[in-house]
């Protein structure tokens, strides 16, 4: 079973990550099927495209677009699968909707994607918990590394370019390389911001 130009994947776990384990109790965080925040963005590769070779193999974990597993309601209020649904809890994924894959327990970014870790707001004049449009590069790619922008660097990014992901219990922002607008010199006191709800337990 192979698609010509698309990956075929299944969710890693459930389609939605909307529960949190607290002790022996599971709490439901969200009941809306349309909220992108709680849609699972990790998938297991069932099949790779037949038309070309890729470094991604069957069984690999991949990071995908937030709409792949999303369900929606039609005009009559009936719950429907999205357009990428194939069958038996499997989905088609276009190549440009795959952002990274896990190899040897490390994340490898593809398609010009990178991930940024937000940092805590330190100004006493702000009631925000994190600084806007600035963070620490967590997962880089070949384009950024060629520009000597590497993991651990403090960078600024353009407004509304970021999408929230939870990866290995860390809240990160996904964006494209060209959304990185500036590289700052680190002062040494920057503290990463990871809200408690991002952790699985």
C-alpha atoms as a PDB file:
ATOM      1  CA  UNK A   1       0.000   0.000   0.000  1.00  0.00           C
ATOM      2  CA  UNK A   2       1.694   3.162  -1.227  1.00  0.00           C
ATOM      3  CA  UNK A   3       0.545   6.584  -2.288  1.00  0.00           C
ATOM      4  CA  UNK A   4       2.368   8.061  -5.263  1.00  0.00           C
ATOM      5  CA  UNK A   5       3.215  11.472  -3.784  1.00  0.00           C
ATOM      6  CA  UNK A   6       1.977  11.392  -0.174  1.00  0.00           C
ATOM      7  CA  UNK A   7       2.894   9.770   3.111  1.00  0.00           C
ATOM      8  CA  UNK A   8       0.318   7.562   4.797  1.00  0.00           C
ATOM      9  CA  UNK A   9       0.365   7.910   8.582  1.00  0.00           C
ATOM     10  CA  UNK A  10      -1.593   7.033  11.695  1.00  0.00           C
ATOM     11  CA  UNK A  11      -1.786   9.052  14.930  1.00  0.00           C
ATOM     12  CA  UNK A  12       0.823   8.369  17.577  1.00  0.00           C
ATOM     13  CA  UNK A  13      -1.703   7.713  20.316  1.00  0.00           C
ATOM     14  CA  UNK A  14      -5.064   9.387  19.822  1.00  0.00           C
ATOM     15  CA  UNK A  15      -6.168  11.985  17.275  1.00  0.00           C
ATOM     16  CA  UNK A  16      -6.547  14.583  20.032  1.00  0.00           C
ATOM     17  CA  UNK A  17      -4.290  15.246  23.019  1.00  0.00           C
ATOM     18  CA  UNK A  18      -6.997  16.671  25.237  1.00  0.00           C
ATOM     19  CA  UNK A  19      -6.507  14.745  28.482  1.00  0.00           C
ATOM     20  CA  UNK A  20      -3.984  15.182  31.270  1.00  0.00           C
ATOM     21  CA  UNK A  21      -3.082  12.640  33.929  1.00  0.00           C
ATOM     22  CA  UNK A  22      -3.060  14.070  37.477  1.00  0.00           C
ATOM     23  CA  UNK A  23      -2.277  11.310  39.945  1.00  0.00           C
ATOM     24  CA  UNK A  24      -4.758   8.533  39.263  1.00  0.00           C
ATOM     25  CA  UNK A  25      -7.245  10.869  37.580  1.00  0.00           C
ATOM     26  CA  UNK A  26      -7.513  11.830  33.904  1.00  0.00           C
ATOM     27  CA  UNK A  27      -8.722  15.393  33.311  1.00  0.00           C
ATOM     28  CA  UNK A  28     -10.433  16.401  30.070  1.00  0.00           C
ATOM     29  CA  UNK A  29      -8.820  19.668  28.931  1.00  0.00           C
ATOM     30  CA  UNK A  30     -10.935  20.422  25.893  1.00  0.00           C
ATOM     31  CA  UNK A  31     -14.119  19.128  24.261  1.00  0.00           C
ATOM     32  CA  UNK A  32     -13.979  21.110  20.993  1.00  0.00           C
ATOM     33  CA  UNK A  33     -12.899  19.087  17.975  1.00  0.00           C
ATOM     34  CA  UNK A  34     -12.106  22.314  16.115  1.00  0.00           C
ATOM     35  CA  UNK A  35      -9.429  23.693  18.466  1.00  0.00           C
ATOM     36  CA  UNK A  36      -6.021  23.190  16.827  1.00  0.00           C
ATOM     37  CA  UNK A  37      -4.169  23.347  20.160  1.00  0.00           C
ATOM     38  CA  UNK A  38      -5.298  19.883  21.263  1.00  0.00           C
ATOM     39  CA  UNK A  39      -5.018  18.074  17.922  1.00  0.00           C
ATOM     40  CA  UNK A  40      -2.268  15.476  17.912  1.00  0.00           C
ATOM     41  CA  UNK A  41       0.624  16.572  15.682  1.00  0.00           C
ATOM     42  CA  UNK A  42       2.742  13.424  15.985  1.00  0.00           C
ATOM     43  CA  UNK A  43       2.190  10.498  13.647  1.00  0.00           C
ATOM     44  CA  UNK A  44       3.667   7.103  12.812  1.00  0.00           C
ATOM     45  CA  UNK A  45       4.598   6.526   9.175  1.00  0.00           C
ATOM     46  CA  UNK A  46       2.691   3.627   7.607  1.00  0.00           C
ATOM     47  CA  UNK A  47       3.866   4.192   4.037  1.00  0.00           C
ATOM     48  CA  UNK A  48       6.286   6.535   2.229  1.00  0.00           C
ATOM     49  CA  UNK A  49       5.701   8.126  -1.212  1.00  0.00           C
ATOM     50  CA  UNK A  50       6.396   5.834  -4.163  1.00  0.00           C
ATOM     51  CA  UNK A  51       7.520   8.608  -6.513  1.00  0.00           C
ATOM     52  CA  UNK A  52      10.717   9.585  -4.699  1.00  0.00           C
ATOM     53  CA  UNK A  53      13.142   8.545  -1.986  1.00  0.00           C
ATOM     54  CA  UNK A  54      13.094  10.042   1.493  1.00  0.00           C
ATOM     55  CA  UNK A  55      15.135   9.746   4.670  1.00  0.00           C
ATOM     56  CA  UNK A  56      11.889   9.026   6.512  1.00  0.00           C
ATOM     57  CA  UNK A  57      11.135   5.332   6.906  1.00  0.00           C
ATOM     58  CA  UNK A  58       8.092   3.246   7.773  1.00  0.00           C
ATOM     59  CA  UNK A  59       7.655   3.263  11.557  1.00  0.00           C
ATOM     60  CA  UNK A  60       9.316   6.660  12.078  1.00  0.00           C
ATOM     61  CA  UNK A  61       7.605   9.310  14.177  1.00  0.00           C
ATOM     62  CA  UNK A  62       6.936  12.527  12.257  1.00  0.00           C
ATOM     63  CA  UNK A  63       5.695  16.011  13.133  1.00  0.00           C
ATOM     64  CA  UNK A  64       2.802  17.026  10.900  1.00  0.00           C
ATOM     65  CA  UNK A  65       0.421  19.871  10.134  1.00  0.00           C
ATOM     66  CA  UNK A  66      -2.211  20.488  12.795  1.00  0.00           C
ATOM     67  CA  UNK A  67      -5.146  19.922  10.410  1.00  0.00           C
ATOM     68  CA  UNK A  68      -4.364  16.344   9.385  1.00  0.00           C
ATOM     69  CA  UNK A  69      -6.266  14.628  12.221  1.00  0.00           C
ATOM     70  CA  UNK A  70      -8.828  17.381  12.732  1.00  0.00           C
ATOM     71  CA  UNK A  71     -12.543  16.550  12.612  1.00  0.00           C
ATOM     72  CA  UNK A  72     -15.246  19.077  11.770  1.00  0.00           C
ATOM     73  CA  UNK A  73     -19.007  19.579  11.779  1.00  0.00           C
ATOM     74  CA  UNK A  74     -21.001  19.917   8.566  1.00  0.00           C
ATOM     75  CA  UNK A  75     -23.992  22.239   8.124  1.00  0.00           C
ATOM     76  CA  UNK A  76     -26.286  19.658   9.730  1.00  0.00           C
ATOM     77  CA  UNK A  77     -24.052  19.308  12.786  1.00  0.00           C
ATOM     78  CA  UNK A  78     -22.737  15.871  11.832  1.00  0.00           C
ATOM     79  CA  UNK A  79     -19.137  15.154  12.793  1.00  0.00           C
ATOM     80  CA  UNK A  80     -16.903  14.427   9.800  1.00  0.00           C
ATOM     81  CA  UNK A  81     -13.345  13.384   9.073  1.00  0.00           C
ATOM     82  CA  UNK A  82     -11.082  15.844   7.308  1.00  0.00           C
ATOM     83  CA  UNK A  83     -10.107  15.587   3.646  1.00  0.00           C
ATOM     84  CA  UNK A  84      -6.838  13.756   4.447  1.00  0.00           C
ATOM     85  CA  UNK A  85      -8.583  10.771   6.043  1.00  0.00           C
ATOM     86  CA  UNK A  86      -7.883   7.511   4.179  1.00  0.00           C
ATOM     87  CA  UNK A  87      -9.311   4.554   6.097  1.00  0.00           C
ATOM     88  CA  UNK A  88      -8.871   2.544   9.318  1.00  0.00           C
ATOM     89  CA  UNK A  89      -7.398   5.488  11.273  1.00  0.00           C
ATOM     90  CA  UNK A  90      -4.871   6.214   8.500  1.00  0.00           C
ATOM     91  CA  UNK A  91      -4.345   9.562   6.766  1.00  0.00           C
ATOM     92  CA  UNK A  92      -2.621  10.999   3.715  1.00  0.00           C
ATOM     93  CA  UNK A  93      -0.020  13.693   4.382  1.00  0.00           C
ATOM     94  CA  UNK A  94       1.543  15.893   1.719  1.00  0.00           C
ATOM     95  CA  UNK A  95       5.321  16.210   1.801  1.00  0.00           C
ATOM     96  CA  UNK A  96       5.150  19.914   2.719  1.00  0.00           C
ATOM     97  CA  UNK A  97       2.931  19.031   5.702  1.00  0.00           C
ATOM     98  CA  UNK A  98       5.708  17.012   7.357  1.00  0.00           C
ATOM     99  CA  UNK A  99       7.955  19.242   9.470  1.00  0.00           C
ATOM    100  CA  UNK A 100      10.380  16.806  11.046  1.00  0.00           C
ATOM    101  CA  UNK A 101      11.056  13.199  11.962  1.00  0.00           C
ATOM    102  CA  UNK A 102      12.680  11.357  14.838  1.00  0.00           C
ATOM    103  CA  UNK A 103      15.851   9.411  14.109  1.00  0.00           C
ATOM    104  CA  UNK A 104      18.023   7.779  16.788  1.00  0.00           C
ATOM    105  CA  UNK A 105      15.938   9.601  19.420  1.00  0.00           C
ATOM    106  CA  UNK A 106      16.740  13.010  17.883  1.00  0.00           C
ATOM    107  CA  UNK A 107      14.432  15.305  15.920  1.00  0.00           C
ATOM    108  CA  UNK A 108      15.517  16.155  12.374  1.00  0.00           C
ATOM    109  CA  UNK A 109      13.795  19.124  10.714  1.00  0.00           C
ATOM    110  CA  UNK A 110      12.787  19.179   7.039  1.00  0.00           C
ATOM    111  CA  UNK A 111      10.958  21.484   4.623  1.00  0.00           C
ATOM    112  CA  UNK A 112      12.583  24.655   5.950  1.00  0.00           C
ATOM    113  CA  UNK A 113      10.969  24.229   9.370  1.00  0.00           C
ATOM    114  CA  UNK A 114      12.394  25.042  12.787  1.00  0.00           C
ATOM    115  CA  UNK A 115      11.150  25.168  16.381  1.00  0.00           C
ATOM    116  CA  UNK A 116      11.596  27.945  18.926  1.00  0.00           C
ATOM    117  CA  UNK A 117      11.352  27.744  22.728  1.00  0.00           C
ATOM    118  CA  UNK A 118       9.713  30.858  24.243  1.00  0.00           C
ATOM    119  CA  UNK A 119      11.470  32.626  27.105  1.00  0.00           C
ATOM    120  CA  UNK A 120      10.080  34.143  30.276  1.00  0.00           C
ATOM    121  CA  UNK A 121       9.138  37.797  30.401  1.00  0.00           C
ATOM    122  CA  UNK A 122      11.374  39.604  32.908  1.00  0.00           C
ATOM    123  CA  UNK A 123       9.969  43.123  32.719  1.00  0.00           C
ATOM    124  CA  UNK A 124       8.139  44.237  35.850  1.00  0.00           C
ATOM    125  CA  UNK A 125       5.972  46.455  33.623  1.00  0.00           C
ATOM    126  CA  UNK A 126       4.451  43.528  31.748  1.00  0.00           C
ATOM    127  CA  UNK A 127       1.835  41.027  32.871  1.00  0.00           C
ATOM    128  CA  UNK A 128       2.797  38.592  30.091  1.00  0.00           C
ATOM    129  CA  UNK A 129       4.415  35.302  31.056  1.00  0.00           C
ATOM    130  CA  UNK A 130       6.613  35.082  27.968  1.00  0.00           C
ATOM    131  CA  UNK A 131       8.379  37.582  25.747  1.00  0.00           C
ATOM    132  CA  UNK A 132       6.713  38.210  22.419  1.00  0.00           C
ATOM    133  CA  UNK A 133       8.419  37.275  19.143  1.00  0.00           C
ATOM    134  CA  UNK A 134      11.649  36.144  20.749  1.00  0.00           C
ATOM    135  CA  UNK A 135      12.906  32.757  21.863  1.00  0.00           C
ATOM    136  CA  UNK A 136      15.680  30.187  21.864  1.00  0.00           C
ATOM    137  CA  UNK A 137      16.186  28.050  18.776  1.00  0.00           C
ATOM    138  CA  UNK A 138      15.484  24.465  19.818  1.00  0.00           C
ATOM    139  CA  UNK A 139      15.462  22.528  16.527  1.00  0.00           C
ATOM    140  CA  UNK A 140      17.266  23.996  13.538  1.00  0.00           C
ATOM    141  CA  UNK A 141      17.691  23.038   9.874  1.00  0.00           C
ATOM    142  CA  UNK A 142      20.325  23.219   7.161  1.00  0.00           C
ATOM    143  CA  UNK A 143      19.229  26.660   5.956  1.00  0.00           C
ATOM    144  CA  UNK A 144      19.646  28.282   9.372  1.00  0.00           C
ATOM    145  CA  UNK A 145      22.857  26.448  10.174  1.00  0.00           C
ATOM    146  CA  UNK A 146      24.350  27.715   6.893  1.00  0.00           C
ATOM    147  CA  UNK A 147      23.638  31.207   8.242  1.00  0.00           C
ATOM    148  CA  UNK A 148      25.362  30.248  11.524  1.00  0.00           C
ATOM    149  CA  UNK A 149      22.077  30.233  13.419  1.00  0.00           C
ATOM    150  CA  UNK A 150      22.229  27.142  15.611  1.00  0.00           C
ATOM    151  CA  UNK A 151      20.278  25.481  18.448  1.00  0.00           C
ATOM    152  CA  UNK A 152      20.679  27.508  21.635  1.00  0.00           C
ATOM    153  CA  UNK A 153      20.806  30.857  19.813  1.00  0.00           C
ATOM    154  CA  UNK A 154      18.472  33.659  20.866  1.00  0.00           C
ATOM    155  CA  UNK A 155      16.394  34.767  17.879  1.00  0.00           C
ATOM    156  CA  UNK A 156      13.545  37.095  17.019  1.00  0.00           C
ATOM    157  CA  UNK A 157      10.720  36.044  14.707  1.00  0.00           C
ATOM    158  CA  UNK A 158       7.982  37.796  12.772  1.00  0.00           C
ATOM    159  CA  UNK A 159       4.502  38.211  14.320  1.00  0.00           C
ATOM    160  CA  UNK A 160       1.842  35.569  13.595  1.00  0.00           C
ATOM    161  CA  UNK A 161       4.382  33.190  12.054  1.00  0.00           C
ATOM    162  CA  UNK A 162       4.377  30.687  14.899  1.00  0.00           C
ATOM    163  CA  UNK A 163       2.257  27.586  15.543  1.00  0.00           C
ATOM    164  CA  UNK A 164       2.175  25.937  18.937  1.00  0.00           C
ATOM    165  CA  UNK A 165       3.414  22.350  19.311  1.00  0.00           C
ATOM    166  CA  UNK A 166       4.044  20.150  22.333  1.00  0.00           C
ATOM    167  CA  UNK A 167       7.143  18.037  21.671  1.00  0.00           C
ATOM    168  CA  UNK A 168       8.571  15.779  24.364  1.00  0.00           C
ATOM    169  CA  UNK A 169       6.638  17.709  27.046  1.00  0.00           C
ATOM    170  CA  UNK A 170       7.938  21.068  25.807  1.00  0.00           C
ATOM    171  CA  UNK A 171       5.809  23.859  24.389  1.00  0.00           C
ATOM    172  CA  UNK A 172       7.501  25.069  21.209  1.00  0.00           C
ATOM    173  CA  UNK A 173       6.678  27.305  18.268  1.00  0.00           C
ATOM    174  CA  UNK A 174       6.945  25.895  14.752  1.00  0.00           C
ATOM    175  CA  UNK A 175       7.811  28.280  11.919  1.00  0.00           C
ATOM    176  CA  UNK A 176       9.750  28.554   8.664  1.00  0.00           C
ATOM    177  CA  UNK A 177      13.387  29.602   8.422  1.00  0.00           C
ATOM    178  CA  UNK A 178      12.518  32.897   6.755  1.00  0.00           C
ATOM    179  CA  UNK A 179      10.319  33.800   9.732  1.00  0.00           C
ATOM    180  CA  UNK A 180      13.513  34.181  11.774  1.00  0.00           C
ATOM    181  CA  UNK A 181      14.214  37.905  11.508  1.00  0.00           C
ATOM    182  CA  UNK A 182      17.229  38.437  13.759  1.00  0.00           C
ATOM    183  CA  UNK A 183      19.845  36.687  15.870  1.00  0.00           C
ATOM    184  CA  UNK A 184      20.574  38.287  19.247  1.00  0.00           C
ATOM    185  CA  UNK A 185      23.612  38.020  21.462  1.00  0.00           C
ATOM    186  CA  UNK A 186      22.652  36.063  24.567  1.00  0.00           C
ATOM    187  CA  UNK A 187      23.112  37.874  27.860  1.00  0.00           C
ATOM    188  CA  UNK A 188      23.046  34.682  29.896  1.00  0.00           C
ATOM    189  CA  UNK A 189      19.955  35.331  32.015  1.00  0.00           C
ATOM    190  CA  UNK A 190      17.329  34.192  29.482  1.00  0.00           C
ATOM    191  CA  UNK A 191      15.088  31.547  31.011  1.00  0.00           C
ATOM    192  CA  UNK A 192      13.005  29.169  28.922  1.00  0.00           C
ATOM    193  CA  UNK A 193       9.270  29.249  29.526  1.00  0.00           C
ATOM    194  CA  UNK A 194       7.386  25.955  29.659  1.00  0.00           C
ATOM    195  CA  UNK A 195       3.918  26.074  31.266  1.00  0.00           C
ATOM    196  CA  UNK A 196       3.011  23.193  33.557  1.00  0.00           C
ATOM    197  CA  UNK A 197       0.094  22.108  31.363  1.00  0.00           C
ATOM    198  CA  UNK A 198       2.529  21.238  28.551  1.00  0.00           C
ATOM    199  CA  UNK A 199       3.915  18.348  30.575  1.00  0.00           C
ATOM    200  CA  UNK A 200       2.195  14.989  30.322  1.00  0.00           C
ATOM    201  CA  UNK A 201       2.279  14.355  34.074  1.00  0.00           C
END
